């Protein structure tokens, strides 16, 4: 029989948002319980060096940064459980979270379940993630100064990333499966007018070539009309085909936008359900940075603390 447990604050997700929330809630003597989820440490555990997180002037490995955050959270009294929440009940109080190991009830819930980058699902992509394959130009573009870089995608995100990468790359190839971009008109114009960007139309990436730790060396491309294969030498592939917010647990209990992101109240981490707070990439489709996720985790914990004070009065 599964264990039953109650806590003042439960947190779902262990990326920068969830662990920052755990640090703040722990320091407020709330003894939060955090559920890891399917990817302990979040997306940063799939990266190598992180250069843009404050406090690490020489950079830090993504998994190391997340391990330090977890250590800091437990130092302040957070309990970390490597369990997957399979069901939530936000209609009754206290809220109920169900995992294969236990039933956890809580007075306040912080959702930090993150988002999953869409992948191409091709050979070499997973193996070379963090070694030349990336889903974040802002995070990793500076590692490829004066190199040839490829971007896969055709929407606003892909065009934005291609333009951004021209700050570092000697040349950027934008690889798109169709003969016209899906991006907004202004983003298309920026790409097509940028002398450093070449669009490869009617083309898909079928394989990423290279090996760890040396990294990406080339891409295998296929023309969607002729079926012809070719090789594109490059140092990096940025996959920009969107993210999937990990919001499925809350589909029936919280408002989601058209892309599945949880919608918080304006200028707040609160949601439509009092006592439920949201932070990190599951509610942020704009910035998607470790530091902004951490900041929103701080907001969620502070608002959860204030909520608990109010209901205690």
Protein backbone atom coordinates (compact mmCIF):
# COMPACT_ATOMS: atom_id res chain seq x y z
CA UNK A 1 0.00 0.00 0.00
CA UNK A 2 1.34 3.45 -0.93
CA UNK A 3 2.45 5.73 1.92
CA UNK A 4 0.38 8.78 2.87
CA UNK A 5 2.10 12.03 3.74
CA UNK A 6 1.22 15.70 4.21
CA UNK A 7 3.36 18.80 3.67
CA UNK A 8 2.71 22.51 3.70
CA UNK A 9 4.38 23.02 0.32
CA UNK A 10 4.84 20.49 -2.48
CA UNK A 11 6.91 21.21 -5.57
CA UNK A 12 6.73 19.24 -8.81
CA UNK A 13 9.88 19.53 -10.92
CA UNK A 14 13.58 19.75 -10.11
CA UNK A 15 15.00 22.15 -12.67
CA UNK A 16 16.22 25.66 -11.78
CA UNK A 17 12.66 26.83 -11.08
CA UNK A 18 11.69 23.96 -8.80
CA UNK A 19 14.96 23.87 -6.88
CA UNK A 20 15.03 27.64 -6.40
CA UNK A 21 11.48 27.43 -5.06
CA UNK A 22 12.65 24.66 -2.72
CA UNK A 23 15.55 26.82 -1.49
CA UNK A 24 13.28 29.77 -0.72
CA UNK A 25 10.53 27.64 0.82
CA UNK A 26 13.12 25.79 2.90
CA UNK A 27 14.61 29.03 4.21
CA UNK A 28 11.09 30.07 5.22
CA UNK A 29 10.92 26.94 7.42
CA UNK A 30 8.16 25.42 5.28
CA UNK A 31 9.95 22.04 4.89
CA UNK A 32 8.92 21.63 1.23
CA UNK A 33 8.73 18.26 -0.47
CA UNK A 34 9.98 18.24 -4.07
CA UNK A 35 9.19 15.54 -6.61
CA UNK A 36 11.94 15.11 -9.19
CA UNK A 37 9.91 14.12 -12.25
CA UNK A 38 11.11 12.19 -15.33
CA UNK A 39 14.28 14.27 -15.86
CA UNK A 40 15.95 14.99 -12.51
CA UNK A 41 17.61 18.40 -12.70
CA UNK A 42 15.67 19.46 -15.78
CA UNK A 43 17.05 20.43 -19.18
CA UNK A 44 20.37 21.70 -17.79
CA UNK A 45 21.39 18.13 -17.08
CA UNK A 46 21.48 17.54 -20.84
CA UNK A 47 23.97 20.37 -21.43
CA UNK A 48 27.69 20.56 -20.89
CA UNK A 49 29.16 23.95 -20.00
CA UNK A 50 26.89 26.76 -18.80
CA UNK A 51 28.58 30.15 -19.16
CA UNK A 52 25.72 32.57 -18.52
CA UNK A 53 24.54 31.65 -15.03
CA UNK A 54 25.61 34.38 -12.57
CA UNK A 55 28.25 33.48 -10.03
CA UNK A 56 30.30 31.15 -12.23
CA UNK A 57 32.80 33.36 -14.08
CA UNK A 58 34.61 30.35 -15.54
CA UNK A 59 31.37 28.53 -16.39
CA UNK A 60 29.93 25.41 -14.82
CA UNK A 61 28.77 22.03 -16.10
CA UNK A 62 24.98 21.82 -16.29
CA UNK A 63 24.68 18.66 -14.15
CA UNK A 64 27.06 20.15 -11.59
CA UNK A 65 24.99 23.33 -11.32
CA UNK A 66 21.83 21.34 -10.71
CA UNK A 67 23.56 19.14 -8.12
CA UNK A 68 24.69 22.28 -6.28
CA UNK A 69 21.15 23.67 -6.34
CA UNK A 70 19.79 20.41 -4.94
CA UNK A 71 22.42 20.37 -2.19
CA UNK A 72 21.50 23.93 -1.28
CA UNK A 73 17.79 23.07 -1.16
CA UNK A 74 18.34 20.08 1.13
CA UNK A 75 20.59 22.18 3.36
CA UNK A 76 17.57 24.38 4.11
CA UNK A 77 15.30 21.46 4.89
CA UNK A 78 13.77 20.49 1.57
CA UNK A 79 12.99 16.81 1.05
CA UNK A 80 13.81 15.61 -2.46
CA UNK A 81 12.00 12.53 -3.74
CA UNK A 82 12.88 10.78 -6.98
CA UNK A 83 9.26 10.07 -7.79
CA UNK A 84 6.99 10.77 -10.72
CA UNK A 85 3.65 12.42 -10.03
CA UNK A 86 1.03 10.58 -12.07
CA UNK A 87 -2.15 12.30 -10.87
CA UNK A 88 -3.17 15.54 -9.17
CA UNK A 89 -6.41 16.66 -7.52
CA UNK A 90 -6.68 20.44 -7.26
CA UNK A 91 -10.45 20.45 -6.75
CA UNK A 92 -10.27 19.53 -3.07
CA UNK A 93 -8.20 20.82 -0.17
CA UNK A 94 -5.64 19.87 0.76
CA UNK A 95 -4.42 19.22 -2.77
CA UNK A 96 -3.48 15.62 -3.53
CA UNK A 97 -0.52 14.34 -5.55
CA UNK A 98 -0.26 10.67 -6.41
CA UNK A 99 2.97 8.80 -7.23
CA UNK A 100 3.58 5.04 -7.47
CA UNK A 101 5.20 5.24 -4.03
CA UNK A 102 2.81 7.48 -2.05
CA UNK A 103 -0.11 9.85 -1.78
CA UNK A 104 1.08 13.34 -0.86
CA UNK A 105 -1.28 16.07 0.27
CA UNK A 106 -0.27 19.73 0.48
CA UNK A 107 -1.68 23.11 1.41
CA UNK A 108 0.23 24.90 -1.38
CA UNK A 109 1.51 23.49 -4.67
CA UNK A 110 4.30 24.90 -6.82
CA UNK A 111 4.33 23.61 -10.40
CA UNK A 112 7.76 23.64 -12.05
CA UNK A 113 7.41 20.82 -14.54
CA UNK A 114 9.25 22.60 -17.37
CA UNK A 115 9.03 22.00 -21.09
CA UNK A 116 10.54 19.44 -23.43
CA UNK A 117 12.25 20.60 -26.63
CA UNK A 118 10.87 18.92 -29.73
CA UNK A 119 13.50 16.70 -31.32
CA UNK A 120 14.11 15.57 -34.87
CA UNK A 121 14.41 11.94 -33.76
CA UNK A 122 17.35 11.20 -36.05
CA UNK A 123 20.57 9.22 -35.54
CA UNK A 124 23.26 11.15 -33.69
CA UNK A 125 20.92 13.84 -32.32
CA UNK A 126 20.52 12.45 -28.81
CA UNK A 127 24.10 11.18 -28.61
CA UNK A 128 25.56 14.58 -29.49
CA UNK A 129 23.20 16.76 -27.45
CA UNK A 130 25.49 19.02 -25.45
CA UNK A 131 28.35 18.27 -27.86
CA UNK A 132 27.26 20.42 -30.79
CA UNK A 133 23.54 19.65 -30.84
CA UNK A 134 21.52 22.25 -28.93
CA UNK A 135 18.02 23.67 -28.59
CA UNK A 136 19.10 27.07 -27.24
CA UNK A 137 21.11 29.57 -29.27
CA UNK A 138 21.26 32.05 -26.40
CA UNK A 139 22.77 29.37 -24.18
CA UNK A 140 25.27 27.81 -26.55
CA UNK A 141 25.86 30.07 -29.55
CA UNK A 142 29.02 31.65 -28.15
CA UNK A 143 30.76 28.27 -28.09
CA UNK A 144 30.88 28.26 -31.90
CA UNK A 145 32.62 31.49 -32.81
CA UNK A 146 33.80 31.63 -36.44
CA UNK A 147 32.31 28.19 -37.10
CA UNK A 148 29.69 27.00 -39.58
CA UNK A 149 26.37 26.45 -37.80
CA UNK A 150 23.10 24.89 -38.97
CA UNK A 151 19.58 25.57 -37.67
CA UNK A 152 16.68 23.22 -38.32
CA UNK A 153 13.22 24.78 -38.47
CA UNK A 154 11.15 27.35 -40.31
CA UNK A 155 9.13 29.24 -37.73
CA UNK A 156 9.80 32.39 -35.74
CA UNK A 157 12.01 30.56 -33.24
CA UNK A 158 14.23 29.12 -35.97
CA UNK A 159 14.55 32.46 -37.73
CA UNK A 160 15.29 34.25 -34.49
CA UNK A 161 17.95 31.71 -33.55
CA UNK A 162 19.54 31.85 -37.03
CA UNK A 163 19.80 35.63 -36.84
CA UNK A 164 21.19 35.51 -33.31
CA UNK A 165 23.81 32.92 -34.27
CA UNK A 166 25.23 35.17 -37.00
CA UNK A 167 26.81 37.17 -34.16
CA UNK A 168 29.21 34.27 -33.67
CA UNK A 169 29.20 32.02 -36.72
CA UNK A 170 31.09 32.50 -39.94
CA UNK A 171 27.99 31.17 -41.73
CA UNK A 172 24.55 29.90 -40.70
CA UNK A 173 22.49 27.45 -42.73
CA UNK A 174 18.75 27.47 -42.05
CA UNK A 175 17.38 24.07 -43.03
CA UNK A 176 13.66 23.96 -43.79
CA UNK A 177 11.56 21.09 -45.12
CA UNK A 178 9.33 23.32 -47.26
CA UNK A 179 9.83 25.96 -49.96
CA UNK A 180 8.67 28.85 -47.78
CA UNK A 181 9.15 29.79 -44.14
CA UNK A 182 6.35 29.60 -41.60
CA UNK A 183 7.75 32.54 -39.65
CA UNK A 184 6.16 35.98 -39.47
CA UNK A 185 6.89 38.30 -42.37
CA UNK A 186 9.32 40.48 -40.43
CA UNK A 187 11.32 37.46 -39.24
CA UNK A 188 11.44 36.07 -42.77
CA UNK A 189 12.76 39.37 -44.08
CA UNK A 190 15.50 39.47 -41.46
CA UNK A 191 16.65 36.00 -42.41
CA UNK A 192 16.52 36.51 -46.15
CA UNK A 193 18.38 39.83 -45.94
CA UNK A 194 21.12 38.55 -43.64
CA UNK A 195 24.26 37.92 -45.74
CA UNK A 196 25.52 35.31 -43.27
CA UNK A 197 22.40 33.12 -43.58
CA UNK A 198 21.73 30.67 -46.40
CA UNK A 199 18.36 28.91 -46.46
CA UNK A 200 18.36 25.31 -47.66
CA UNK A 201 14.82 24.83 -48.97
CA UNK A 202 12.97 21.51 -49.22
CA UNK A 203 15.61 19.89 -47.03
CA UNK A 204 15.62 17.84 -43.84
CA UNK A 205 18.41 16.60 -41.60
CA UNK A 206 18.50 12.80 -41.51
CA UNK A 207 21.64 12.24 -39.40
CA UNK A 208 24.08 14.15 -37.20
CA UNK A 209 27.68 13.08 -37.76
CA UNK A 210 30.39 13.30 -35.12
CA UNK A 211 31.33 11.80 -31.80
CA UNK A 212 31.89 12.73 -28.18
CA UNK A 213 33.73 14.66 -26.95
CA UNK A 214 34.95 16.18 -30.21
CA UNK A 215 31.42 17.13 -31.25
CA UNK A 216 29.46 17.57 -34.47
CA UNK A 217 31.40 17.39 -37.73
CA UNK A 218 28.66 17.29 -40.38
CA UNK A 219 25.00 16.68 -41.17
CA UNK A 220 23.44 14.28 -43.61
CA UNK A 221 20.73 16.11 -45.55
CA UNK A 222 17.90 14.86 -47.73
CA UNK A 223 16.06 16.84 -50.38
CA UNK A 224 12.34 16.36 -49.77
CA UNK A 225 11.50 16.59 -53.46
CA UNK A 226 14.25 14.63 -55.17
CA UNK A 227 15.26 12.37 -52.30
CA UNK A 228 18.92 13.16 -52.96
CA UNK A 229 21.32 12.92 -50.02
CA UNK A 230 24.17 15.32 -49.33
CA UNK A 231 26.64 16.15 -46.56
CA UNK A 232 26.90 19.54 -44.88
CA UNK A 233 30.10 20.07 -42.85
CA UNK A 234 29.36 22.12 -39.73
CA UNK A 235 30.27 22.41 -36.05
CA UNK A 236 26.79 22.62 -34.54
CA UNK A 237 23.12 21.93 -35.14
CA UNK A 238 20.49 24.02 -33.35
CA UNK A 239 17.10 22.33 -33.38
CA UNK A 240 14.41 25.02 -33.31
CA UNK A 241 11.13 23.25 -33.93
CA UNK A 242 9.40 24.24 -30.71
CA UNK A 243 8.89 23.01 -27.15
CA UNK A 244 6.20 20.90 -25.52
CA UNK A 245 5.22 22.25 -22.08
CA UNK A 246 4.95 19.48 -19.50
CA UNK A 247 1.46 20.51 -18.46
CA UNK A 248 -0.55 17.37 -19.15
CA UNK A 249 -1.22 16.73 -15.45
CA UNK A 250 -3.08 20.03 -15.22
CA UNK A 251 -5.05 20.00 -18.45
CA UNK A 252 -8.37 19.61 -16.62
CA UNK A 253 -7.65 21.84 -13.63
CA UNK A 254 -5.75 24.94 -14.82
CA UNK A 255 -6.09 27.27 -17.83
CA UNK A 256 -3.62 26.55 -20.63
CA UNK A 257 -2.85 28.69 -23.65
CA UNK A 258 -3.17 27.45 -27.23
CA UNK A 259 0.26 25.83 -27.03
CA UNK A 260 -0.33 24.10 -23.71
CA UNK A 261 1.55 26.49 -21.42
CA UNK A 262 -0.01 27.09 -18.01
CA UNK A 263 -1.35 30.64 -17.78
CA UNK A 264 -0.45 32.43 -14.52
CA UNK A 265 -2.25 35.50 -13.26
CA UNK A 266 -0.72 38.76 -14.62
CA UNK A 267 2.61 39.75 -13.03
CA UNK A 268 2.40 36.84 -10.62
CA UNK A 269 3.18 33.17 -10.07
CA UNK A 270 -0.37 32.59 -8.82
CA UNK A 271 -2.91 30.69 -10.93
CA UNK A 272 -6.68 30.51 -11.19
CA UNK A 273 -6.67 28.08 -8.25
CA UNK A 274 -5.73 29.81 -4.96
CA UNK A 275 -2.77 28.02 -3.40
CA UNK A 276 -1.42 26.74 -6.72
CA UNK A 277 1.62 28.52 -8.16
CA UNK A 278 3.54 28.05 -11.41
CA UNK A 279 7.10 28.87 -12.42
CA UNK A 280 9.74 28.03 -15.00
CA UNK A 281 9.38 26.88 -18.58
CA UNK A 282 5.94 25.32 -18.17
CA UNK A 283 4.61 28.91 -18.14
CA UNK A 284 7.35 30.69 -20.13
CA UNK A 285 7.48 30.32 -23.90
CA UNK A 286 9.52 33.50 -24.40
CA UNK A 287 12.79 33.44 -22.44
CA UNK A 288 13.35 29.79 -21.43
CA UNK A 289 16.59 30.52 -19.57
CA UNK A 290 17.90 28.93 -16.39
CA UNK A 291 18.16 32.32 -14.70
CA UNK A 292 14.61 33.39 -15.57
CA UNK A 293 13.30 30.01 -14.45
CA UNK A 294 15.15 30.40 -11.15
CA UNK A 295 13.74 33.91 -10.73
CA UNK A 296 10.20 32.71 -11.26
CA UNK A 297 10.82 29.89 -8.77
CA UNK A 298 11.73 32.53 -6.19
CA UNK A 299 8.47 34.38 -6.97
CA UNK A 300 6.40 31.22 -6.59
CA UNK A 301 7.93 30.35 -3.22
CA UNK A 302 7.46 33.85 -1.81
CA UNK A 303 3.85 33.94 -2.96
CA UNK A 304 3.26 30.45 -1.54
CA UNK A 305 4.66 31.59 1.82
CA UNK A 306 2.34 34.62 1.85
CA UNK A 307 -0.62 32.43 0.91
CA UNK A 308 0.06 30.04 3.77
CA UNK A 309 0.30 32.96 6.19
CA UNK A 310 -3.06 34.24 5.00
CA UNK A 311 -4.92 30.94 5.40
CA UNK A 312 -3.34 30.45 8.83
CA UNK A 313 -4.78 33.74 10.15
